[in-house]
N, C-alpha and C. Protein backbone atom coordinates (compact mmCIF):
# COMPACT_ATOMS: atom_id res chain seq x y z
N MET A 1 125.05 58.48 112.55
CA MET A 1 125.75 57.25 112.89
C MET A 1 126.80 56.98 111.81
N ASN A 2 127.99 56.65 112.24
CA ASN A 2 129.06 56.42 111.27
C ASN A 2 128.93 55.04 110.64
N PRO A 3 129.55 54.82 109.48
CA PRO A 3 129.43 53.55 108.76
C PRO A 3 129.97 52.35 109.55
N LYS A 4 131.01 52.52 110.35
CA LYS A 4 131.57 51.41 111.12
C LYS A 4 130.57 50.92 112.18
N ALA A 5 129.85 51.80 112.79
CA ALA A 5 128.84 51.43 113.78
C ALA A 5 127.69 50.66 113.13
N LYS A 6 127.29 51.08 111.94
CA LYS A 6 126.23 50.38 111.20
C LYS A 6 126.66 48.96 110.86
N ILE A 7 127.90 48.79 110.43
CA ILE A 7 128.43 47.47 110.08
C ILE A 7 128.45 46.58 111.32
N LYS A 8 128.85 47.13 112.48
CA LYS A 8 128.89 46.36 113.72
C LYS A 8 127.49 45.93 114.12
N ILE A 9 126.51 46.80 113.98
CA ILE A 9 125.13 46.46 114.34
C ILE A 9 124.59 45.36 113.43
N VAL A 10 124.84 45.46 112.14
CA VAL A 10 124.40 44.44 111.18
C VAL A 10 125.09 43.11 111.48
N ALA A 11 126.39 43.15 111.80
CA ALA A 11 127.14 41.92 112.10
C ALA A 11 126.58 41.25 113.35
N VAL A 12 126.31 42.01 114.38
CA VAL A 12 125.75 41.45 115.62
C VAL A 12 124.36 40.87 115.35
N ALA A 13 123.56 41.56 114.56
CA ALA A 13 122.22 41.07 114.23
C ALA A 13 122.30 39.76 113.45
N LEU A 14 123.23 39.66 112.50
CA LEU A 14 123.40 38.43 111.73
C LEU A 14 123.88 37.28 112.62
N ILE A 15 124.80 37.56 113.51
CA ILE A 15 125.29 36.52 114.42
C ILE A 15 124.16 36.01 115.31
N LEU A 16 123.37 36.91 115.85
CA LEU A 16 122.24 36.51 116.69
C LEU A 16 121.21 35.70 115.89
N PHE A 17 120.93 36.12 114.68
CA PHE A 17 119.98 35.42 113.83
C PHE A 17 120.44 34.00 113.53
N PHE A 18 121.69 33.84 113.11
CA PHE A 18 122.20 32.50 112.78
C PHE A 18 122.37 31.64 114.04
N SER A 19 122.67 32.25 115.16
CA SER A 19 122.72 31.50 116.42
C SER A 19 121.34 30.96 116.78
N PHE A 20 120.32 31.77 116.59
CA PHE A 20 118.95 31.34 116.85
C PHE A 20 118.56 30.18 115.93
N LEU A 21 118.87 30.29 114.64
CA LEU A 21 118.57 29.21 113.69
C LEU A 21 119.28 27.91 114.06
N THR A 22 120.53 28.01 114.46
CA THR A 22 121.30 26.83 114.87
C THR A 22 120.69 26.20 116.10
N PHE A 23 120.32 27.01 117.08
CA PHE A 23 119.68 26.51 118.29
C PHE A 23 118.39 25.77 117.97
N LYS A 24 117.54 26.33 117.13
CA LYS A 24 116.27 25.69 116.78
C LYS A 24 116.50 24.38 116.03
N ALA A 25 117.49 24.34 115.14
CA ALA A 25 117.77 23.12 114.39
C ALA A 25 118.26 22.01 115.32
N VAL A 26 119.13 22.34 116.24
CA VAL A 26 119.64 21.34 117.18
C VAL A 26 118.53 20.86 118.10
N LYS A 27 117.72 21.77 118.58
CA LYS A 27 116.62 21.40 119.48
C LYS A 27 115.61 20.48 118.80
N SER A 28 115.31 20.73 117.55
CA SER A 28 114.31 19.91 116.85
C SER A 28 114.83 18.53 116.49
N SER A 29 116.14 18.37 116.38
CA SER A 29 116.70 17.07 116.03
C SER A 29 117.18 16.28 117.25
N LEU A 30 117.02 16.83 118.43
CA LEU A 30 117.47 16.18 119.65
C LEU A 30 116.56 15.02 120.01
N VAL A 31 117.16 13.84 120.24
CA VAL A 31 116.42 12.65 120.63
C VAL A 31 117.09 12.08 121.87
N TYR A 32 116.31 11.85 122.92
CA TYR A 32 116.84 11.26 124.14
C TYR A 32 116.82 9.75 124.03
N TYR A 33 117.94 9.10 124.34
CA TYR A 33 118.09 7.65 124.24
C TYR A 33 118.02 7.07 125.65
N LEU A 34 116.99 6.26 125.92
CA LEU A 34 116.74 5.76 127.27
C LEU A 34 116.48 4.26 127.27
N THR A 35 116.58 3.67 128.45
CA THR A 35 116.15 2.28 128.62
C THR A 35 114.68 2.28 129.02
N VAL A 36 114.06 1.12 128.99
CA VAL A 36 112.66 1.00 129.36
C VAL A 36 112.46 1.43 130.82
N SER A 37 113.35 1.01 131.70
CA SER A 37 113.23 1.38 133.12
C SER A 37 113.31 2.88 133.33
N GLU A 38 114.19 3.55 132.61
CA GLU A 38 114.32 4.99 132.74
C GLU A 38 113.04 5.70 132.33
N VAL A 39 112.41 5.22 131.29
CA VAL A 39 111.15 5.83 130.84
C VAL A 39 110.06 5.61 131.89
N GLN A 40 109.99 4.42 132.47
CA GLN A 40 108.97 4.11 133.47
C GLN A 40 109.20 4.87 134.77
N GLU A 41 110.46 5.11 135.12
CA GLU A 41 110.77 5.79 136.38
C GLU A 41 110.41 7.26 136.35
N ARG A 42 110.55 7.88 135.21
CA ARG A 42 110.37 9.34 135.12
C ARG A 42 109.26 9.68 134.15
N GLU A 43 108.12 10.05 134.69
CA GLU A 43 107.00 10.43 133.83
C GLU A 43 107.27 11.74 133.10
N SER A 44 108.27 12.49 133.56
CA SER A 44 108.59 13.76 132.90
C SER A 44 109.08 13.55 131.47
N PHE A 45 109.56 12.33 131.17
CA PHE A 45 110.02 12.07 129.81
C PHE A 45 108.85 12.09 128.82
N SER A 46 107.64 11.86 129.30
CA SER A 46 106.50 11.88 128.39
C SER A 46 106.24 13.28 127.86
N LYS A 47 106.79 14.29 128.51
CA LYS A 47 106.62 15.67 128.05
C LYS A 47 107.58 16.00 126.91
N LEU A 48 108.61 15.19 126.73
CA LEU A 48 109.58 15.46 125.67
C LEU A 48 108.97 15.14 124.32
N LYS A 49 109.45 15.82 123.30
CA LYS A 49 108.89 15.60 121.97
C LYS A 49 109.20 14.21 121.43
N ARG A 50 110.47 13.82 121.45
CA ARG A 50 110.86 12.54 120.88
C ARG A 50 111.80 11.80 121.82
N LEU A 51 111.57 10.50 121.91
CA LEU A 51 112.42 9.63 122.72
C LEU A 51 112.88 8.46 121.86
N ARG A 52 114.00 7.90 122.23
CA ARG A 52 114.47 6.66 121.62
C ARG A 52 114.67 5.68 122.77
N VAL A 53 113.95 4.56 122.73
CA VAL A 53 113.97 3.59 123.83
C VAL A 53 114.47 2.25 123.32
N SER A 54 115.35 1.64 124.11
CA SER A 54 115.93 0.36 123.75
C SER A 54 115.45 -0.72 124.72
N GLY A 55 115.12 -1.89 124.16
CA GLY A 55 114.70 -3.01 124.99
C GLY A 55 114.59 -4.27 124.16
N VAL A 56 114.25 -5.37 124.80
CA VAL A 56 114.10 -6.66 124.15
C VAL A 56 112.62 -6.91 123.92
N VAL A 57 112.26 -7.38 122.73
CA VAL A 57 110.86 -7.67 122.41
C VAL A 57 110.41 -8.89 123.21
N GLU A 58 109.37 -8.72 123.99
CA GLU A 58 108.88 -9.80 124.84
C GLU A 58 108.27 -10.90 123.99
N ARG A 59 108.60 -12.14 124.34
CA ARG A 59 108.13 -13.33 123.60
C ARG A 59 106.60 -13.36 123.59
N GLY A 60 106.03 -13.53 122.39
CA GLY A 60 104.59 -13.67 122.23
C GLY A 60 103.80 -12.37 122.27
N SER A 61 104.48 -11.23 122.33
CA SER A 61 103.76 -9.96 122.46
C SER A 61 103.47 -9.26 121.14
N ILE A 62 104.06 -9.73 120.04
CA ILE A 62 103.88 -9.06 118.75
C ILE A 62 102.50 -9.38 118.19
N LYS A 63 101.72 -8.34 117.95
CA LYS A 63 100.37 -8.49 117.39
C LYS A 63 100.26 -7.62 116.14
N ARG A 64 99.76 -8.22 115.07
CA ARG A 64 99.53 -7.47 113.83
C ARG A 64 98.08 -6.97 113.85
N ASN A 65 97.91 -5.68 113.65
CA ASN A 65 96.59 -5.06 113.70
C ASN A 65 95.99 -4.94 112.30
N GLU A 66 94.68 -4.76 112.23
CA GLU A 66 93.97 -4.69 110.95
C GLU A 66 94.41 -3.51 110.08
N ASP A 67 94.85 -2.42 110.71
CA ASP A 67 95.25 -1.24 109.95
C ASP A 67 96.68 -1.31 109.42
N GLY A 68 97.33 -2.47 109.57
CA GLY A 68 98.70 -2.64 109.08
C GLY A 68 99.76 -2.31 110.12
N SER A 69 99.34 -1.83 111.26
CA SER A 69 100.30 -1.51 112.32
C SER A 69 100.57 -2.77 113.15
N ILE A 70 101.58 -2.67 114.00
CA ILE A 70 101.86 -3.75 114.94
C ILE A 70 101.93 -3.16 116.35
N SER A 71 101.68 -3.99 117.31
CA SER A 71 101.86 -3.60 118.71
C SER A 71 102.66 -4.71 119.38
N PHE A 72 103.48 -4.32 120.34
CA PHE A 72 104.33 -5.29 121.03
C PHE A 72 104.81 -4.67 122.33
N ILE A 73 105.47 -5.47 123.12
CA ILE A 73 106.01 -5.02 124.40
C ILE A 73 107.52 -5.17 124.36
N ILE A 74 108.22 -4.12 124.78
CA ILE A 74 109.67 -4.24 124.95
C ILE A 74 109.96 -4.17 126.44
N ARG A 75 111.04 -4.83 126.84
CA ARG A 75 111.38 -4.91 128.25
C ARG A 75 112.89 -4.81 128.44
N ASP A 76 113.24 -4.50 129.67
CA ASP A 76 114.61 -4.66 130.11
C ASP A 76 114.54 -5.53 131.37
N LYS A 77 115.54 -5.50 132.20
CA LYS A 77 115.55 -6.39 133.37
C LYS A 77 114.43 -6.08 134.36
N GLU A 78 113.96 -4.83 134.39
CA GLU A 78 113.03 -4.42 135.44
C GLU A 78 111.64 -4.02 134.95
N SER A 79 111.51 -3.47 133.76
CA SER A 79 110.26 -2.86 133.34
C SER A 79 109.87 -3.26 131.92
N THR A 80 108.60 -2.97 131.59
CA THR A 80 108.09 -3.19 130.24
C THR A 80 107.37 -1.93 129.78
N ILE A 81 107.26 -1.80 128.46
CA ILE A 81 106.50 -0.69 127.90
C ILE A 81 105.78 -1.19 126.64
N TYR A 82 104.52 -0.80 126.50
CA TYR A 82 103.69 -1.19 125.37
C TYR A 82 103.97 -0.24 124.20
N VAL A 83 104.21 -0.80 123.01
CA VAL A 83 104.59 0.00 121.84
C VAL A 83 103.59 -0.24 120.71
N GLN A 84 103.20 0.82 120.03
CA GLN A 84 102.42 0.73 118.79
C GLN A 84 103.25 1.35 117.68
N TYR A 85 103.31 0.65 116.54
CA TYR A 85 104.15 1.12 115.43
C TYR A 85 103.47 0.82 114.11
N LYS A 86 103.54 1.80 113.20
CA LYS A 86 103.05 1.59 111.84
C LYS A 86 104.12 2.08 110.90
N GLY A 87 104.60 1.18 110.06
CA GLY A 87 105.65 1.51 109.12
C GLY A 87 106.35 0.25 108.64
N VAL A 88 107.51 0.43 108.08
CA VAL A 88 108.29 -0.69 107.55
C VAL A 88 108.86 -1.50 108.73
N ILE A 89 108.62 -2.79 108.71
CA ILE A 89 109.08 -3.67 109.79
C ILE A 89 110.39 -4.33 109.34
N PRO A 90 111.46 -4.18 110.10
CA PRO A 90 112.73 -4.78 109.72
C PRO A 90 112.63 -6.31 109.61
N ASP A 91 113.40 -6.89 108.69
CA ASP A 91 113.37 -8.34 108.47
C ASP A 91 113.73 -9.13 109.72
N VAL A 92 114.64 -8.61 110.53
CA VAL A 92 115.12 -9.35 111.71
C VAL A 92 114.24 -9.12 112.94
N PHE A 93 113.15 -8.38 112.81
CA PHE A 93 112.28 -8.10 113.94
C PHE A 93 111.44 -9.32 114.28
N ARG A 94 111.60 -9.82 115.51
CA ARG A 94 110.83 -10.95 116.00
C ARG A 94 110.97 -11.01 117.53
N ASP A 95 110.38 -12.03 118.15
CA ASP A 95 110.47 -12.19 119.60
C ASP A 95 111.92 -12.28 120.05
N GLU A 96 112.19 -11.73 121.23
CA GLU A 96 113.49 -11.81 121.90
C GLU A 96 114.63 -11.09 121.18
N VAL A 97 114.31 -10.22 120.23
CA VAL A 97 115.35 -9.46 119.53
C VAL A 97 115.49 -8.09 120.21
N GLN A 98 116.69 -7.56 120.20
CA GLN A 98 116.93 -6.22 120.74
C GLN A 98 116.33 -5.20 119.78
N ALA A 99 115.44 -4.35 120.28
CA ALA A 99 114.76 -3.37 119.43
C ALA A 99 114.98 -1.97 119.99
N VAL A 100 115.01 -1.00 119.09
CA VAL A 100 115.08 0.40 119.45
C VAL A 100 113.91 1.08 118.75
N VAL A 101 113.07 1.78 119.53
CA VAL A 101 111.93 2.48 118.97
C VAL A 101 112.10 3.97 119.22
N GLU A 102 111.63 4.76 118.26
CA GLU A 102 111.71 6.21 118.39
C GLU A 102 110.33 6.78 118.21
N GLY A 103 109.94 7.68 119.11
CA GLY A 103 108.62 8.29 119.02
C GLY A 103 108.29 9.05 120.29
N THR A 104 107.00 9.03 120.64
CA THR A 104 106.52 9.77 121.81
C THR A 104 105.67 8.87 122.69
N ILE A 105 105.44 9.32 123.91
CA ILE A 105 104.59 8.57 124.84
C ILE A 105 103.28 9.33 125.02
N GLU A 106 102.18 8.57 124.91
CA GLU A 106 100.85 9.14 125.14
C GLU A 106 100.05 8.14 125.94
N ASP A 107 99.59 8.54 127.11
CA ASP A 107 98.78 7.67 127.97
C ASP A 107 99.45 6.32 128.22
N LYS A 108 100.74 6.35 128.56
CA LYS A 108 101.54 5.16 128.89
C LYS A 108 101.70 4.20 127.71
N VAL A 109 101.43 4.66 126.50
CA VAL A 109 101.66 3.88 125.28
C VAL A 109 102.72 4.59 124.48
N PHE A 110 103.73 3.85 124.05
CA PHE A 110 104.79 4.44 123.24
C PHE A 110 104.35 4.38 121.78
N LEU A 111 104.16 5.53 121.16
CA LEU A 111 103.75 5.62 119.75
C LEU A 111 105.02 5.80 118.93
N ALA A 112 105.47 4.72 118.32
CA ALA A 112 106.74 4.73 117.59
C ALA A 112 106.51 5.12 116.13
N ASN A 113 107.40 5.97 115.62
CA ASN A 113 107.39 6.28 114.20
C ASN A 113 108.63 5.71 113.51
N LYS A 114 109.55 5.16 114.30
CA LYS A 114 110.72 4.46 113.76
C LYS A 114 110.97 3.21 114.59
N LEU A 115 111.38 2.14 113.91
CA LEU A 115 111.66 0.88 114.57
C LEU A 115 112.96 0.31 114.01
N PHE A 116 113.88 0.01 114.91
CA PHE A 116 115.16 -0.59 114.53
C PHE A 116 115.28 -1.91 115.29
N ALA A 117 115.79 -2.94 114.63
CA ALA A 117 116.02 -4.22 115.29
C ALA A 117 117.48 -4.60 115.09
N LYS A 118 118.10 -5.03 116.17
CA LYS A 118 119.50 -5.44 116.09
C LYS A 118 119.57 -6.91 115.73
N CYS A 119 120.40 -7.23 114.77
CA CYS A 119 120.53 -8.59 114.28
C CYS A 119 121.19 -9.46 115.36
N PRO A 120 120.57 -10.59 115.72
CA PRO A 120 121.12 -11.44 116.76
C PRO A 120 122.21 -12.39 116.29
N THR A 121 122.54 -12.36 115.02
CA THR A 121 123.52 -13.28 114.46
C THR A 121 124.88 -13.04 115.08
N LYS A 122 125.54 -14.14 115.45
CA LYS A 122 126.90 -14.06 115.97
C LYS A 122 127.79 -14.85 115.03
N TYR A 123 128.89 -14.25 114.67
CA TYR A 123 129.81 -14.90 113.76
C TYR A 123 130.91 -15.58 114.56
N GLU A 124 131.18 -16.81 114.23
CA GLU A 124 132.24 -17.54 114.90
C GLU A 124 133.28 -17.93 113.86
N ASP A 125 134.55 -17.66 114.18
CA ASP A 125 135.63 -17.91 113.24
C ASP A 125 135.76 -19.37 112.85
N ASP A 126 135.61 -20.28 113.81
CA ASP A 126 135.83 -21.69 113.47
C ASP A 126 134.74 -22.22 112.55
N LYS A 127 133.53 -21.75 112.66
CA LYS A 127 132.47 -22.19 111.75
C LYS A 127 132.72 -21.67 110.34
N LEU A 128 133.18 -20.44 110.23
CA LEU A 128 133.48 -19.89 108.92
C LEU A 128 134.63 -20.64 108.27
N GLY A 129 135.61 -21.03 109.06
CA GLY A 129 136.77 -21.75 108.54
C GLY A 129 136.39 -23.10 107.97
N ASN A 130 135.38 -23.77 108.54
CA ASN A 130 134.98 -25.09 108.09
C ASN A 130 134.13 -25.05 106.82
N ASN A 131 133.67 -23.88 106.42
CA ASN A 131 132.80 -23.76 105.24
C ASN A 131 133.55 -23.41 103.96
N ARG A 132 134.84 -23.47 103.98
CA ARG A 132 135.61 -23.13 102.78
C ARG A 132 135.48 -24.21 101.72
N LEU A 133 135.46 -23.78 100.49
CA LEU A 133 135.39 -24.72 99.37
C LEU A 133 136.79 -25.26 99.05
N SER A 134 136.84 -26.52 98.76
CA SER A 134 138.13 -27.07 98.34
C SER A 134 137.98 -27.52 96.89
N PHE A 135 139.01 -27.28 96.12
CA PHE A 135 138.98 -27.63 94.71
C PHE A 135 139.82 -28.87 94.47
N VAL A 136 139.27 -29.83 93.74
CA VAL A 136 139.98 -31.05 93.40
C VAL A 136 140.53 -30.88 91.99
N GLN A 137 141.80 -31.16 91.83
CA GLN A 137 142.39 -30.99 90.49
C GLN A 137 142.66 -32.32 89.84
């Protein structure tokens, strides 16, 4: 076998190897972003490794458990899903806040390993304008 053929074989092998590594890295970091209704409609999503689900925390559903975890229900206009989470709880997390949970589904329970809460604060220009300090000379 001539040296040019050997170089071509090694180059093809390296390309295939790095393509495989790239594919595995992308596949392992892939997270599907869904609404609560989409998760409830398709049970096939429970087969996926990781999901990210967005919904509003239902009023009165947040329960603190003895092991330091919390459980709550998130909803959208049509459906609800029960969530269990153990980890750092965002300061803005409370009833009626928009929440995003990331994790897996097991037996119709969403086991979250990440919890994000969107801040409900709205800034209004006229209120900010009225809070300016005035200096008397």
